[in-house]
């Protein structure tokens, strides 16, 4: 019962604070009006992630493995690695399935460790093959395309929506403020007119 009573009280306090702070009210209105377009952008972003994820699986499935050991210079494939008593290890971020691909793309989009993933893609030779330095430089197109489309284009769309709604809400707020000032001015004029009428009637 106490919890149910305190929630409306908190909401009323928050609403009162927001209504008394025009700047805070503007921010809240901007965020609320941006929810729907931001949702559309999220859908577009998810679509790009899935498309690039499927493409990444087609290009790199089973290729993000490498032999780890003391001396792997003469290792060319998985069989050589195992025969030399080394470890055939899969990279932490890979494209062996769609889930792993989406995780790798998320790291790419966040730009935290994305260089390592890109170099793993450039060095990938084939399934059960030891990576070679810059074996397939054309794979750079895949990573650069993803970064340009998702990290820059979609992010700019997000920022653009928020900025546009901010200006729209600010214009609306300024119009409301001007309307309130005009109403107050008219009320003062009406009050003065009535007071003058009373003075004239009293004479």
C-alpha atoms as a PDB file:
ATOM      1  CA  UNK A   1       0.000   0.000   0.000  1.00  0.00           C
ATOM      2  CA  UNK A   2       2.846   2.356   0.893  1.00  0.00           C
ATOM      3  CA  UNK A   3       4.589   1.635  -2.408  1.00  0.00           C
ATOM      4  CA  UNK A   4       1.440   2.295  -4.420  1.00  0.00           C
ATOM      5  CA  UNK A   5       0.889   5.600  -2.595  1.00  0.00           C
ATOM      6  CA  UNK A   6       4.427   6.879  -3.032  1.00  0.00           C
ATOM      7  CA  UNK A   7       4.639   6.276  -6.784  1.00  0.00           C
ATOM      8  CA  UNK A   8       1.962   8.868  -7.727  1.00  0.00           C
ATOM      9  CA  UNK A   9       3.561  11.286  -5.241  1.00  0.00           C
ATOM     10  CA  UNK A  10       6.978  10.882  -6.899  1.00  0.00           C
ATOM     11  CA  UNK A  11       5.432  11.332 -10.339  1.00  0.00           C
ATOM     12  CA  UNK A  12       3.636  14.498  -9.258  1.00  0.00           C
ATOM     13  CA  UNK A  13       6.854  15.915  -7.773  1.00  0.00           C
ATOM     14  CA  UNK A  14       8.780  15.132 -10.967  1.00  0.00           C
ATOM     15  CA  UNK A  15       6.022  16.676 -13.093  1.00  0.00           C
ATOM     16  CA  UNK A  16       6.036  19.797 -10.910  1.00  0.00           C
ATOM     17  CA  UNK A  17       9.824  20.146 -11.165  1.00  0.00           C
ATOM     18  CA  UNK A  18       9.742  19.710 -14.951  1.00  0.00           C
ATOM     19  CA  UNK A  19       6.946  22.253 -15.402  1.00  0.00           C
ATOM     20  CA  UNK A  20       8.897  24.847 -13.398  1.00  0.00           C
ATOM     21  CA  UNK A  21      12.144  24.313 -15.328  1.00  0.00           C
ATOM     22  CA  UNK A  22      11.664  25.251 -19.016  1.00  0.00           C
ATOM     23  CA  UNK A  23      15.045  23.819 -20.017  1.00  0.00           C
ATOM     24  CA  UNK A  24      14.346  20.454 -18.406  1.00  0.00           C
ATOM     25  CA  UNK A  25      10.841  20.422 -19.873  1.00  0.00           C
ATOM     26  CA  UNK A  26      12.308  21.045 -23.321  1.00  0.00           C
ATOM     27  CA  UNK A  27      14.735  18.132 -22.944  1.00  0.00           C
ATOM     28  CA  UNK A  28      11.983  15.754 -21.783  1.00  0.00           C
ATOM     29  CA  UNK A  29       9.653  16.796 -24.621  1.00  0.00           C
ATOM     30  CA  UNK A  30      12.488  16.334 -27.128  1.00  0.00           C
ATOM     31  CA  UNK A  31      13.236  12.820 -25.890  1.00  0.00           C
ATOM     32  CA  UNK A  32       9.564  11.825 -25.829  1.00  0.00           C
ATOM     33  CA  UNK A  33       8.910  13.142 -29.343  1.00  0.00           C
ATOM     34  CA  UNK A  34      12.061  11.395 -30.615  1.00  0.00           C
ATOM     35  CA  UNK A  35      11.080   7.922 -29.393  1.00  0.00           C
ATOM     36  CA  UNK A  36       9.141   6.884 -32.503  1.00  0.00           C
ATOM     37  CA  UNK A  37      11.707   8.053 -35.110  1.00  0.00           C
ATOM     38  CA  UNK A  38      14.516   6.611 -32.984  1.00  0.00           C
ATOM     39  CA  UNK A  39      12.632   3.312 -32.984  1.00  0.00           C
ATOM     40  CA  UNK A  40      12.547   3.413 -36.790  1.00  0.00           C
ATOM     41  CA  UNK A  41      16.290   4.074 -36.870  1.00  0.00           C
ATOM     42  CA  UNK A  42      16.894   1.131 -34.526  1.00  0.00           C
ATOM     43  CA  UNK A  43      14.939  -1.118 -36.910  1.00  0.00           C
ATOM     44  CA  UNK A  44      17.050   0.110 -39.854  1.00  0.00           C
ATOM     45  CA  UNK A  45      20.228  -0.423 -37.829  1.00  0.00           C
ATOM     46  CA  UNK A  46      19.181  -3.982 -36.912  1.00  0.00           C
ATOM     47  CA  UNK A  47      18.466  -4.709 -40.572  1.00  0.00           C
ATOM     48  CA  UNK A  48      21.973  -3.563 -41.557  1.00  0.00           C
ATOM     49  CA  UNK A  49      23.485  -5.649 -38.761  1.00  0.00           C
ATOM     50  CA  UNK A  50      21.654  -8.770 -39.934  1.00  0.00           C
ATOM     51  CA  UNK A  51      22.581  -8.187 -43.592  1.00  0.00           C
ATOM     52  CA  UNK A  52      26.261  -7.681 -42.795  1.00  0.00           C
ATOM     53  CA  UNK A  53      26.131 -10.548 -40.295  1.00  0.00           C
ATOM     54  CA  UNK A  54      24.863 -12.991 -42.924  1.00  0.00           C
ATOM     55  CA  UNK A  55      27.426 -11.705 -45.421  1.00  0.00           C
ATOM     56  CA  UNK A  56      30.178 -12.058 -42.807  1.00  0.00           C
ATOM     57  CA  UNK A  57      29.199 -15.682 -42.148  1.00  0.00           C
ATOM     58  CA  UNK A  58      29.377 -16.392 -45.885  1.00  0.00           C
ATOM     59  CA  UNK A  59      32.817 -14.785 -46.163  1.00  0.00           C
ATOM     60  CA  UNK A  60      34.549 -15.826 -42.942  1.00  0.00           C
ATOM     61  CA  UNK A  61      32.857 -18.928 -41.509  1.00  0.00           C
ATOM     62  CA  UNK A  62      35.518 -21.274 -40.112  1.00  0.00           C
ATOM     63  CA  UNK A  63      38.351 -18.950 -41.147  1.00  0.00           C
ATOM     64  CA  UNK A  64      38.954 -17.099 -37.881  1.00  0.00           C
ATOM     65  CA  UNK A  65      41.216 -19.808 -36.439  1.00  0.00           C
ATOM     66  CA  UNK A  66      44.954 -19.663 -35.841  1.00  0.00           C
ATOM     67  CA  UNK A  67      47.692 -21.933 -34.547  1.00  0.00           C
ATOM     68  CA  UNK A  68      49.186 -20.887 -31.231  1.00  0.00           C
ATOM     69  CA  UNK A  69      52.554 -22.174 -30.077  1.00  0.00           C
ATOM     70  CA  UNK A  70      56.226 -21.385 -29.641  1.00  0.00           C
ATOM     71  CA  UNK A  71      57.108 -21.536 -33.335  1.00  0.00           C
ATOM     72  CA  UNK A  72      54.326 -21.476 -35.920  1.00  0.00           C
ATOM     73  CA  UNK A  73      56.266 -20.073 -38.865  1.00  0.00           C
ATOM     74  CA  UNK A  74      56.096 -23.338 -40.818  1.00  0.00           C
ATOM     75  CA  UNK A  75      52.486 -24.118 -39.909  1.00  0.00           C
ATOM     76  CA  UNK A  76      50.102 -23.849 -42.858  1.00  0.00           C
ATOM     77  CA  UNK A  77      46.949 -25.625 -41.657  1.00  0.00           C
ATOM     78  CA  UNK A  78      45.169 -27.261 -38.731  1.00  0.00           C
ATOM     79  CA  UNK A  79      46.758 -30.685 -39.287  1.00  0.00           C
ATOM     80  CA  UNK A  80      50.282 -29.254 -39.141  1.00  0.00           C
ATOM     81  CA  UNK A  81      49.355 -27.385 -35.972  1.00  0.00           C
ATOM     82  CA  UNK A  82      48.048 -30.475 -34.173  1.00  0.00           C
ATOM     83  CA  UNK A  83      50.989 -32.639 -35.328  1.00  0.00           C
ATOM     84  CA  UNK A  84      53.380 -30.030 -33.908  1.00  0.00           C
ATOM     85  CA  UNK A  85      51.567 -30.235 -30.530  1.00  0.00           C
ATOM     86  CA  UNK A  86      50.314 -26.675 -30.850  1.00  0.00           C
ATOM     87  CA  UNK A  87      46.805 -25.362 -30.199  1.00  0.00           C
ATOM     88  CA  UNK A  88      44.349 -24.628 -32.988  1.00  0.00           C
ATOM     89  CA  UNK A  89      42.424 -21.707 -31.464  1.00  0.00           C
ATOM     90  CA  UNK A  90      39.372 -19.813 -32.647  1.00  0.00           C
ATOM     91  CA  UNK A  91      39.495 -16.037 -32.305  1.00  0.00           C
ATOM     92  CA  UNK A  92      37.290 -14.496 -29.614  1.00  0.00           C
ATOM     93  CA  UNK A  93      35.305 -12.541 -32.206  1.00  0.00           C
ATOM     94  CA  UNK A  94      34.473 -14.511 -35.327  1.00  0.00           C
ATOM     95  CA  UNK A  95      31.818 -15.147 -37.970  1.00  0.00           C
ATOM     96  CA  UNK A  96      31.156 -18.869 -37.518  1.00  0.00           C
ATOM     97  CA  UNK A  97      27.419 -18.265 -37.036  1.00  0.00           C
ATOM     98  CA  UNK A  98      25.011 -15.349 -37.125  1.00  0.00           C
ATOM     99  CA  UNK A  99      25.092 -14.793 -33.358  1.00  0.00           C
ATOM    100  CA  UNK A 100      28.897 -14.627 -33.308  1.00  0.00           C
ATOM    101  CA  UNK A 101      28.845 -12.411 -36.395  1.00  0.00           C
ATOM    102  CA  UNK A 102      26.434  -9.953 -34.755  1.00  0.00           C
ATOM    103  CA  UNK A 103      28.645  -9.819 -31.668  1.00  0.00           C
ATOM    104  CA  UNK A 104      31.704  -9.127 -33.828  1.00  0.00           C
ATOM    105  CA  UNK A 105      29.834  -6.430 -35.741  1.00  0.00           C
ATOM    106  CA  UNK A 106      28.748  -4.831 -32.480  1.00  0.00           C
ATOM    107  CA  UNK A 107      32.411  -4.594 -31.440  1.00  0.00           C
ATOM    108  CA  UNK A 108      33.192  -3.111 -34.856  1.00  0.00           C
ATOM    109  CA  UNK A 109      30.441  -0.516 -34.463  1.00  0.00           C
ATOM    110  CA  UNK A 110      31.622   0.418 -30.968  1.00  0.00           C
ATOM    111  CA  UNK A 111      35.174   0.858 -32.343  1.00  0.00           C
ATOM    112  CA  UNK A 112      36.582  -0.970 -29.326  1.00  0.00           C
ATOM    113  CA  UNK A 113      38.965  -3.616 -30.636  1.00  0.00           C
ATOM    114  CA  UNK A 114      37.614  -3.360 -34.171  1.00  0.00           C
ATOM    115  CA  UNK A 115      41.128  -3.202 -35.676  1.00  0.00           C
ATOM    116  CA  UNK A 116      41.939  -6.734 -34.469  1.00  0.00           C
ATOM    117  CA  UNK A 117      38.762  -8.116 -36.040  1.00  0.00           C
ATOM    118  CA  UNK A 118      39.494  -6.340 -39.317  1.00  0.00           C
ATOM    119  CA  UNK A 119      43.061  -7.694 -39.460  1.00  0.00           C
ATOM    120  CA  UNK A 120      41.802 -11.211 -38.690  1.00  0.00           C
ATOM    121  CA  UNK A 121      39.518 -10.852 -41.706  1.00  0.00           C
ATOM    122  CA  UNK A 122      42.320  -9.588 -43.937  1.00  0.00           C
ATOM    123  CA  UNK A 123      44.624 -12.439 -42.850  1.00  0.00           C
ATOM    124  CA  UNK A 124      41.999 -15.198 -43.241  1.00  0.00           C
ATOM    125  CA  UNK A 125      43.015 -17.817 -45.840  1.00  0.00           C
ATOM    126  CA  UNK A 126      40.401 -20.547 -45.639  1.00  0.00           C
ATOM    127  CA  UNK A 127      38.783 -23.174 -43.435  1.00  0.00           C
ATOM    128  CA  UNK A 128      41.421 -25.003 -41.322  1.00  0.00           C
ATOM    129  CA  UNK A 129      44.126 -22.842 -42.902  1.00  0.00           C
ATOM    130  CA  UNK A 130      46.715 -20.859 -40.955  1.00  0.00           C
ATOM    131  CA  UNK A 131      46.230 -17.089 -41.443  1.00  0.00           C
ATOM    132  CA  UNK A 132      48.699 -15.180 -43.587  1.00  0.00           C
ATOM    133  CA  UNK A 133      49.484 -11.498 -43.265  1.00  0.00           C
ATOM    134  CA  UNK A 134      47.180  -9.431 -45.522  1.00  0.00           C
ATOM    135  CA  UNK A 135      46.256 -12.519 -47.551  1.00  0.00           C
ATOM    136  CA  UNK A 136      43.010 -10.986 -48.819  1.00  0.00           C
ATOM    137  CA  UNK A 137      43.145  -7.156 -48.684  1.00  0.00           C
ATOM    138  CA  UNK A 138      39.870  -6.888 -50.632  1.00  0.00           C
ATOM    139  CA  UNK A 139      38.046  -7.896 -47.452  1.00  0.00           C
ATOM    140  CA  UNK A 140      38.795  -4.385 -46.254  1.00  0.00           C
ATOM    141  CA  UNK A 141      35.783  -3.291 -48.326  1.00  0.00           C
ATOM    142  CA  UNK A 142      33.484  -5.340 -46.095  1.00  0.00           C
ATOM    143  CA  UNK A 143      34.680  -3.732 -42.881  1.00  0.00           C
ATOM    144  CA  UNK A 144      34.922  -0.185 -44.235  1.00  0.00           C
ATOM    145  CA  UNK A 145      31.427  -0.433 -45.757  1.00  0.00           C
ATOM    146  CA  UNK A 146      29.990  -1.573 -42.441  1.00  0.00           C
ATOM    147  CA  UNK A 147      31.726   1.192 -40.505  1.00  0.00           C
ATOM    148  CA  UNK A 148      30.603   3.868 -42.967  1.00  0.00           C
ATOM    149  CA  UNK A 149      26.980   2.728 -43.105  1.00  0.00           C
ATOM    150  CA  UNK A 150      26.346   1.794 -39.485  1.00  0.00           C
ATOM    151  CA  UNK A 151      28.792   3.816 -37.424  1.00  0.00           C
ATOM    152  CA  UNK A 152      28.508   7.082 -39.352  1.00  0.00           C
ATOM    153  CA  UNK A 153      25.313   7.111 -41.442  1.00  0.00           C
ATOM    154  CA  UNK A 154      22.984   5.595 -38.819  1.00  0.00           C
ATOM    155  CA  UNK A 155      24.591   7.576 -35.986  1.00  0.00           C
ATOM    156  CA  UNK A 156      24.132  10.805 -37.940  1.00  0.00           C
ATOM    157  CA  UNK A 157      20.483   9.869 -38.536  1.00  0.00           C
ATOM    158  CA  UNK A 158      20.042   9.428 -34.787  1.00  0.00           C
ATOM    159  CA  UNK A 159      21.665  12.779 -33.994  1.00  0.00           C
ATOM    160  CA  UNK A 160      19.693  14.483 -36.772  1.00  0.00           C
ATOM    161  CA  UNK A 161      16.367  13.223 -35.408  1.00  0.00           C
ATOM    162  CA  UNK A 162      17.148  14.426 -31.887  1.00  0.00           C
ATOM    163  CA  UNK A 163      18.358  17.850 -33.072  1.00  0.00           C
ATOM    164  CA  UNK A 164      15.345  18.326 -35.376  1.00  0.00           C
ATOM    165  CA  UNK A 165      12.897  17.443 -32.605  1.00  0.00           C
ATOM    166  CA  UNK A 166      14.764  19.711 -30.199  1.00  0.00           C
ATOM    167  CA  UNK A 167      14.310  22.707 -32.500  1.00  0.00           C
ATOM    168  CA  UNK A 168      10.674  21.761 -33.122  1.00  0.00           C
ATOM    169  CA  UNK A 169       9.934  21.501 -29.399  1.00  0.00           C
ATOM    170  CA  UNK A 170      11.772  24.752 -28.697  1.00  0.00           C
ATOM    171  CA  UNK A 171       9.697  26.599 -31.326  1.00  0.00           C
ATOM    172  CA  UNK A 172       6.535  25.131 -29.839  1.00  0.00           C
ATOM    173  CA  UNK A 173       7.609  26.128 -26.335  1.00  0.00           C
ATOM    174  CA  UNK A 174       8.459  29.670 -27.478  1.00  0.00           C
ATOM    175  CA  UNK A 175       5.060  29.952 -29.186  1.00  0.00           C
ATOM    176  CA  UNK A 176       3.294  28.803 -26.002  1.00  0.00           C
ATOM    177  CA  UNK A 177       5.295  31.276 -23.929  1.00  0.00           C
ATOM    178  CA  UNK A 178       4.418  34.114 -26.330  1.00  0.00           C
ATOM    179  CA  UNK A 179       0.750  33.099 -26.152  1.00  0.00           C
ATOM    180  CA  UNK A 180       0.826  33.137 -22.342  1.00  0.00           C
ATOM    181  CA  UNK A 181       2.464  36.568 -22.299  1.00  0.00           C
ATOM    182  CA  UNK A 182      -0.172  37.889 -24.718  1.00  0.00           C
ATOM    183  CA  UNK A 183      -2.974  36.458 -22.567  1.00  0.00           C
ATOM    184  CA  UNK A 184      -1.497  38.107 -19.465  1.00  0.00           C
ATOM    185  CA  UNK A 185      -1.223  41.422 -21.311  1.00  0.00           C
ATOM    186  CA  UNK A 186      -4.845  41.202 -22.438  1.00  0.00           C
ATOM    187  CA  UNK A 187      -5.974  40.379 -18.902  1.00  0.00           C
ATOM    188  CA  UNK A 188      -4.114  43.401 -17.534  1.00  0.00           C
ATOM    189  CA  UNK A 189      -5.696  45.620 -20.198  1.00  0.00           C
ATOM    190  CA  UNK A 190      -9.133  44.186 -19.403  1.00  0.00           C
ATOM    191  CA  UNK A 191      -8.559  44.776 -15.707  1.00  0.00           C
ATOM    192  CA  UNK A 192      -7.553  48.404 -16.337  1.00  0.00           C
ATOM    193  CA  UNK A 193     -10.576  48.922 -18.589  1.00  0.00           C
ATOM    194  CA  UNK A 194     -12.953  47.603 -15.951  1.00  0.00           C
ATOM    195  CA  UNK A 195     -11.353  49.706 -13.234  1.00  0.00           C
ATOM    196  CA  UNK A 196     -11.768  52.822 -15.406  1.00  0.00           C
ATOM    197  CA  UNK A 197     -15.404  51.929 -16.084  1.00  0.00           C
ATOM    198  CA  UNK A 198     -15.997  51.636 -12.333  1.00  0.00           C
ATOM    199  CA  UNK A 199     -14.359  55.014 -11.739  1.00  0.00           C
ATOM    200  CA  UNK A 200     -16.522  56.640 -14.422  1.00  0.00           C
ATOM    201  CA  UNK A 201     -19.643  54.972 -13.059  1.00  0.00           C
ATOM    202  CA  UNK A 202     -18.815  56.206  -9.552  1.00  0.00           C
ATOM    203  CA  UNK A 203     -18.687  59.783 -10.718  1.00  0.00           C
END
